Amino acid sequence: MKFTRSLKLLIALAVASQLAGWTMAAEQKYSKSQGTSNLSKKEVNFINDAAEGGLMEVRMGELAQQKGQSADVKSLGQRLVSDHQKAGDELKQLASNKGITVPSQLPPKHQKMIDKLSSASDFDKSFKDAAVKDHKKDIKEFERLSKSAEDPDLKSWITKTLPTLQEHLRMAEQLGVTRTTSR
């Protein structure tokens, strides 16, 4: 009888220990996904969106360098690649310091846009339109979060990066491309 009670107690302790381990693992996963500096969900989502958007801008820039017809399109493409890679590296470091892993590959929605751009019959015009539209959307999000972000490191990165996005928009809007017609 004593042996059976001891065995039951040992089994109960083993089960409790396993459950405690699972609970701790789940808490660590949650803590890592939320970051070590108590970033809000909105801030974590912004970081992930900005990382994905930066990857898309780099890919757009690479396409512009490969497929662009005008020197201005190729030049803006090169600028997108260098600026967004730099900003992406800074964001990746910031995120890592907060315990967040940012995406390293384009999500399907951005890949679809890149595929569409890549196969456009008038690449320069399509590139200009995409660059203007995307940068307007990004600037709006950066400005919105610059006012509400509570994390000082994230706020600093946004403030540092926003003028570059505004410059990209200005450059894209000034591209002298017009739709070509095939005859």
Foldseek 3Di string as FASTA:
>chain_A
DVVVVVVVVVVVVVVVVVVVVVVVVVVVVVQLQCFVVNWDPLLSVLLQVLLLLLVLQLLLLVLQCVPPDDPLSVVLSVLSNVLSVVLNVLSCVVSVNRNHHHDPDHDPVSVVLSVCLNPDPNNLVSSLVVLLVSLVVVLVSLVVCLVVGDDPSSNVSSVVSNVVSVVSNVSSVPPPDDDDDDD
